[in-house]
N, C-alpha and C. Protein backbone atom coordinates (compact mmCIF):
# COMPACT_ATOMS: atom_id res chain seq x y z
N MET A 1 5.95 -39.77 -14.53
CA MET A 1 6.43 -40.35 -13.30
C MET A 1 7.56 -39.49 -12.72
N THR A 2 7.66 -39.57 -11.42
CA THR A 2 8.69 -38.82 -10.72
C THR A 2 9.89 -39.73 -10.46
N GLU A 3 11.05 -39.23 -10.76
CA GLU A 3 12.28 -39.97 -10.46
C GLU A 3 12.40 -40.09 -8.95
N PHE A 4 12.52 -41.31 -8.46
CA PHE A 4 12.56 -41.55 -7.02
C PHE A 4 13.99 -41.70 -6.53
N ASP A 5 14.31 -40.99 -5.47
CA ASP A 5 15.62 -41.08 -4.83
C ASP A 5 15.39 -41.40 -3.35
N PRO A 6 15.73 -42.62 -2.92
CA PRO A 6 15.49 -43.00 -1.53
C PRO A 6 16.09 -42.04 -0.50
N GLU A 7 17.24 -41.45 -0.83
CA GLU A 7 17.86 -40.52 0.11
C GLU A 7 17.04 -39.24 0.25
N LYS A 8 16.45 -38.79 -0.85
CA LYS A 8 15.60 -37.60 -0.79
C LYS A 8 14.31 -37.87 -0.03
N PHE A 9 13.89 -39.15 0.02
CA PHE A 9 12.64 -39.47 0.71
C PHE A 9 12.75 -39.23 2.21
N GLU A 10 13.97 -39.21 2.72
CA GLU A 10 14.15 -38.90 4.14
C GLU A 10 13.65 -37.49 4.44
N ASP A 11 13.72 -36.62 3.46
CA ASP A 11 13.21 -35.25 3.58
C ASP A 11 12.02 -35.12 2.62
N LYS A 12 11.09 -36.07 2.73
CA LYS A 12 10.01 -36.26 1.76
C LYS A 12 9.10 -35.06 1.58
N TYR A 13 8.86 -34.31 2.64
CA TYR A 13 7.93 -33.19 2.52
C TYR A 13 8.53 -32.02 1.75
N VAL A 14 9.83 -32.00 1.63
CA VAL A 14 10.51 -30.97 0.83
C VAL A 14 10.57 -31.42 -0.63
N HIS A 15 10.94 -32.69 -0.85
CA HIS A 15 11.20 -33.17 -2.20
C HIS A 15 10.00 -33.81 -2.89
N TYR A 16 9.08 -34.40 -2.12
CA TYR A 16 8.02 -35.21 -2.73
C TYR A 16 6.62 -34.89 -2.24
N PHE A 17 6.39 -33.73 -1.70
CA PHE A 17 5.08 -33.41 -1.14
C PHE A 17 3.93 -33.58 -2.15
N PRO A 18 4.03 -33.05 -3.37
CA PRO A 18 2.93 -33.23 -4.33
C PRO A 18 2.66 -34.70 -4.66
N GLN A 19 3.72 -35.50 -4.74
CA GLN A 19 3.56 -36.92 -5.03
C GLN A 19 2.89 -37.64 -3.87
N LEU A 20 3.25 -37.27 -2.65
CA LEU A 20 2.61 -37.87 -1.48
C LEU A 20 1.12 -37.52 -1.44
N GLN A 21 0.81 -36.26 -1.72
CA GLN A 21 -0.59 -35.85 -1.76
C GLN A 21 -1.35 -36.63 -2.82
N GLN A 22 -0.74 -36.81 -3.97
CA GLN A 22 -1.38 -37.54 -5.06
C GLN A 22 -1.65 -38.99 -4.66
N ALA A 23 -0.67 -39.64 -4.04
CA ALA A 23 -0.83 -41.04 -3.64
C ALA A 23 -1.94 -41.18 -2.59
N TYR A 24 -1.94 -40.31 -1.60
CA TYR A 24 -2.97 -40.37 -0.55
C TYR A 24 -4.35 -40.08 -1.14
N LYS A 25 -4.42 -39.11 -2.04
CA LYS A 25 -5.71 -38.75 -2.65
C LYS A 25 -6.24 -39.89 -3.51
N SER A 26 -5.37 -40.52 -4.27
CA SER A 26 -5.79 -41.65 -5.10
C SER A 26 -6.27 -42.81 -4.25
N ALA A 27 -5.56 -43.08 -3.16
CA ALA A 27 -5.98 -44.15 -2.25
C ALA A 27 -7.33 -43.80 -1.62
N PHE A 28 -7.50 -42.54 -1.24
CA PHE A 28 -8.78 -42.09 -0.67
C PHE A 28 -9.91 -42.31 -1.67
N ASN A 29 -9.70 -41.93 -2.90
CA ASN A 29 -10.75 -42.08 -3.92
C ASN A 29 -11.11 -43.54 -4.15
N ARG A 30 -10.12 -44.40 -4.18
CA ARG A 30 -10.38 -45.83 -4.35
C ARG A 30 -11.16 -46.38 -3.16
N MET A 31 -10.75 -46.00 -1.96
CA MET A 31 -11.44 -46.48 -0.76
C MET A 31 -12.86 -45.94 -0.69
N ASN A 32 -13.03 -44.70 -1.05
CA ASN A 32 -14.33 -44.06 -1.00
C ASN A 32 -15.32 -44.73 -1.97
N ASP A 33 -14.80 -45.26 -3.07
CA ASP A 33 -15.64 -45.98 -4.03
C ASP A 33 -16.05 -47.36 -3.53
N GLU A 34 -15.25 -47.96 -2.66
CA GLU A 34 -15.48 -49.34 -2.25
C GLU A 34 -16.07 -49.52 -0.85
N TYR A 35 -15.91 -48.53 0.00
CA TYR A 35 -16.32 -48.65 1.39
C TYR A 35 -17.25 -47.50 1.78
N ASP A 36 -17.81 -47.59 2.97
CA ASP A 36 -18.68 -46.55 3.50
C ASP A 36 -17.92 -45.22 3.53
N SER A 37 -18.46 -44.23 2.83
CA SER A 37 -17.75 -42.96 2.70
C SER A 37 -17.57 -42.24 4.04
N GLN A 38 -18.52 -42.38 4.95
CA GLN A 38 -18.37 -41.73 6.26
C GLN A 38 -17.19 -42.32 7.03
N LEU A 39 -17.05 -43.63 6.96
CA LEU A 39 -15.92 -44.29 7.63
C LEU A 39 -14.61 -43.88 6.99
N ILE A 40 -14.57 -43.83 5.67
CA ILE A 40 -13.34 -43.46 4.97
C ILE A 40 -12.95 -42.02 5.31
N HIS A 41 -13.92 -41.13 5.34
CA HIS A 41 -13.63 -39.74 5.71
C HIS A 41 -13.11 -39.66 7.15
N ALA A 42 -13.70 -40.43 8.05
CA ALA A 42 -13.25 -40.42 9.44
C ALA A 42 -11.81 -40.92 9.56
N ILE A 43 -11.50 -42.00 8.88
CA ILE A 43 -10.14 -42.54 8.92
C ILE A 43 -9.17 -41.52 8.32
N ASP A 44 -9.55 -40.95 7.20
CA ASP A 44 -8.70 -39.97 6.52
C ASP A 44 -8.40 -38.77 7.42
N GLN A 45 -9.43 -38.23 8.04
CA GLN A 45 -9.28 -37.00 8.80
C GLN A 45 -8.83 -37.21 10.25
N GLN A 46 -9.08 -38.39 10.80
CA GLN A 46 -8.78 -38.58 12.21
C GLN A 46 -7.61 -39.53 12.48
N VAL A 47 -7.17 -40.25 11.47
CA VAL A 47 -6.03 -41.15 11.65
C VAL A 47 -4.92 -40.83 10.64
N LEU A 48 -5.27 -40.89 9.36
CA LEU A 48 -4.24 -40.74 8.33
C LEU A 48 -3.70 -39.33 8.22
N ASN A 49 -4.42 -38.36 8.75
CA ASN A 49 -3.91 -36.98 8.72
C ASN A 49 -2.62 -36.84 9.52
N GLU A 50 -2.37 -37.78 10.43
CA GLU A 50 -1.13 -37.75 11.22
C GLU A 50 -0.26 -38.98 10.97
N SER A 51 -0.50 -39.63 9.84
CA SER A 51 0.33 -40.79 9.49
C SER A 51 1.60 -40.28 8.80
N GLU A 52 2.56 -41.17 8.69
CA GLU A 52 3.80 -40.78 8.02
C GLU A 52 4.35 -41.95 7.22
N PRO A 53 4.56 -41.73 5.93
CA PRO A 53 5.14 -42.79 5.10
C PRO A 53 6.66 -42.82 5.22
N PHE A 54 7.19 -44.02 5.20
CA PHE A 54 8.64 -44.22 5.21
C PHE A 54 8.99 -45.20 4.10
N TYR A 55 10.13 -44.96 3.47
CA TYR A 55 10.61 -45.89 2.45
C TYR A 55 11.47 -46.93 3.14
N GLU A 56 11.09 -48.21 2.93
CA GLU A 56 11.78 -49.33 3.58
C GLU A 56 12.91 -49.90 2.72
N GLY A 57 12.91 -49.58 1.45
CA GLY A 57 13.88 -50.16 0.53
C GLY A 57 13.22 -51.21 -0.35
N ASP A 58 13.87 -51.57 -1.42
CA ASP A 58 13.36 -52.58 -2.36
C ASP A 58 11.94 -52.28 -2.84
N GLY A 59 11.62 -51.00 -3.02
CA GLY A 59 10.32 -50.61 -3.54
C GLY A 59 9.18 -50.70 -2.54
N GLU A 60 9.49 -50.85 -1.27
CA GLU A 60 8.46 -51.01 -0.24
C GLU A 60 8.38 -49.79 0.67
N PHE A 61 7.15 -49.45 1.02
CA PHE A 61 6.88 -48.35 1.93
C PHE A 61 6.21 -48.88 3.19
N ARG A 62 6.34 -48.12 4.25
CA ARG A 62 5.66 -48.40 5.52
C ARG A 62 4.93 -47.13 5.92
N ILE A 63 3.72 -47.27 6.40
CA ILE A 63 2.96 -46.11 6.86
C ILE A 63 2.83 -46.22 8.38
N ASP A 64 3.45 -45.30 9.09
CA ASP A 64 3.32 -45.26 10.54
C ASP A 64 2.07 -44.46 10.90
N LEU A 65 1.26 -45.04 11.75
CA LEU A 65 0.03 -44.40 12.20
C LEU A 65 0.24 -43.75 13.56
N PRO A 66 -0.57 -42.77 13.88
CA PRO A 66 -0.50 -42.19 15.23
C PRO A 66 -0.96 -43.24 16.24
N GLU A 67 -0.64 -43.01 17.49
CA GLU A 67 -1.05 -43.94 18.54
C GLU A 67 -2.56 -43.99 18.66
N ASN A 68 -3.06 -45.15 19.04
CA ASN A 68 -4.48 -45.37 19.32
C ASN A 68 -5.42 -44.97 18.19
N PRO A 69 -5.26 -45.54 17.01
CA PRO A 69 -6.15 -45.16 15.92
C PRO A 69 -7.62 -45.46 16.22
N HIS A 70 -7.88 -46.51 17.00
CA HIS A 70 -9.27 -46.83 17.35
C HIS A 70 -9.92 -45.70 18.14
N GLU A 71 -9.17 -45.12 19.02
CA GLU A 71 -9.71 -44.04 19.86
C GLU A 71 -9.86 -42.74 19.08
N ARG A 72 -9.13 -42.59 18.00
CA ARG A 72 -9.19 -41.37 17.20
C ARG A 72 -10.45 -41.29 16.34
N VAL A 73 -10.94 -42.45 15.92
CA VAL A 73 -12.11 -42.46 15.03
C VAL A 73 -13.36 -42.25 15.88
N THR A 74 -13.81 -41.01 15.90
CA THR A 74 -14.98 -40.65 16.71
C THR A 74 -16.14 -40.13 15.85
N ALA A 75 -15.90 -39.91 14.58
CA ALA A 75 -16.94 -39.35 13.71
C ALA A 75 -18.00 -40.38 13.31
N VAL A 76 -17.66 -41.66 13.44
CA VAL A 76 -18.60 -42.74 13.12
C VAL A 76 -18.49 -43.82 14.18
N ILE A 77 -19.52 -44.63 14.27
CA ILE A 77 -19.48 -45.78 15.17
C ILE A 77 -19.04 -46.98 14.34
N VAL A 78 -17.96 -47.59 14.77
CA VAL A 78 -17.42 -48.74 14.06
C VAL A 78 -16.72 -49.64 15.08
N ASP A 79 -16.91 -50.96 14.93
CA ASP A 79 -16.22 -51.86 15.86
C ASP A 79 -14.76 -52.00 15.43
N ASP A 80 -13.93 -52.41 16.39
CA ASP A 80 -12.49 -52.48 16.16
C ASP A 80 -12.12 -53.42 15.01
N GLU A 81 -12.83 -54.52 14.90
CA GLU A 81 -12.51 -55.49 13.86
C GLU A 81 -12.74 -54.90 12.47
N LYS A 82 -13.86 -54.23 12.28
CA LYS A 82 -14.14 -53.61 10.98
C LYS A 82 -13.15 -52.48 10.72
N LEU A 83 -12.87 -51.66 11.73
CA LEU A 83 -11.91 -50.58 11.55
C LEU A 83 -10.55 -51.12 11.15
N ASP A 84 -10.11 -52.18 11.82
CA ASP A 84 -8.81 -52.78 11.47
C ASP A 84 -8.79 -53.26 10.03
N ALA A 85 -9.86 -53.89 9.59
CA ALA A 85 -9.92 -54.42 8.22
C ALA A 85 -9.89 -53.28 7.19
N VAL A 86 -10.69 -52.26 7.43
CA VAL A 86 -10.75 -51.14 6.49
C VAL A 86 -9.44 -50.35 6.50
N LEU A 87 -8.88 -50.14 7.67
CA LEU A 87 -7.61 -49.43 7.77
C LEU A 87 -6.49 -50.21 7.09
N SER A 88 -6.50 -51.51 7.23
CA SER A 88 -5.49 -52.35 6.56
C SER A 88 -5.61 -52.23 5.04
N ALA A 89 -6.83 -52.28 4.54
CA ALA A 89 -7.05 -52.12 3.09
C ALA A 89 -6.59 -50.73 2.64
N TYR A 90 -6.89 -49.72 3.44
CA TYR A 90 -6.50 -48.34 3.11
C TYR A 90 -4.97 -48.23 3.03
N LEU A 91 -4.28 -48.81 4.00
CA LEU A 91 -2.82 -48.76 3.99
C LEU A 91 -2.25 -49.50 2.79
N ASP A 92 -2.88 -50.62 2.41
CA ASP A 92 -2.45 -51.34 1.21
C ASP A 92 -2.59 -50.45 -0.03
N TYR A 93 -3.71 -49.74 -0.12
CA TYR A 93 -3.93 -48.85 -1.26
C TYR A 93 -2.92 -47.70 -1.27
N ILE A 94 -2.64 -47.15 -0.10
CA ILE A 94 -1.64 -46.07 -0.05
C ILE A 94 -0.30 -46.59 -0.55
N ASN A 95 0.08 -47.79 -0.10
CA ASN A 95 1.34 -48.38 -0.56
C ASN A 95 1.34 -48.57 -2.07
N GLU A 96 0.24 -49.08 -2.61
CA GLU A 96 0.16 -49.27 -4.06
C GLU A 96 0.28 -47.95 -4.79
N GLU A 97 -0.39 -46.94 -4.27
CA GLU A 97 -0.36 -45.63 -4.93
C GLU A 97 1.02 -44.98 -4.82
N LEU A 98 1.70 -45.16 -3.71
CA LEU A 98 3.06 -44.64 -3.58
C LEU A 98 3.98 -45.32 -4.61
N LYS A 99 3.84 -46.62 -4.75
CA LYS A 99 4.64 -47.34 -5.75
C LYS A 99 4.33 -46.85 -7.15
N ALA A 100 3.06 -46.58 -7.42
CA ALA A 100 2.67 -46.11 -8.75
C ALA A 100 3.23 -44.70 -9.01
N VAL A 101 3.10 -43.83 -8.05
CA VAL A 101 3.56 -42.45 -8.20
C VAL A 101 5.07 -42.41 -8.46
N PHE A 102 5.80 -43.28 -7.79
CA PHE A 102 7.25 -43.29 -7.92
C PHE A 102 7.75 -44.37 -8.90
N ASP A 103 6.82 -44.98 -9.63
CA ASP A 103 7.15 -46.00 -10.62
C ASP A 103 8.01 -47.12 -10.03
N LEU A 104 7.56 -47.65 -8.90
CA LEU A 104 8.29 -48.71 -8.21
C LEU A 104 7.53 -50.04 -8.24
N ARG A 105 6.48 -50.11 -9.07
CA ARG A 105 5.71 -51.36 -9.16
C ARG A 105 6.54 -52.44 -9.84
N GLU A 106 6.29 -53.64 -9.41
CA GLU A 106 7.03 -54.78 -9.97
C GLU A 106 6.44 -55.20 -11.29
């Protein structure tokens, strides 16, 4: 496990880049096992590639998405309701994986 320092997370790409990659990759693998792989790849490459994690405190993270995620997903046809549900699950997994990588699970 990596020792987590909330102050260092402000400069996360300098201090925690490998851990961030690991968390996102683990979340991707979990999602890819449970959902349509084409949709997961589209979300990964067209939405999450420009997302940004932030540490909120008390072991909680927030993932900011780029504007208009629905409009970004063009590689597959998906209705907004399904996209919202899958994206929400994906963000939950990323949060879980970030907590695991930084040993912040309760």
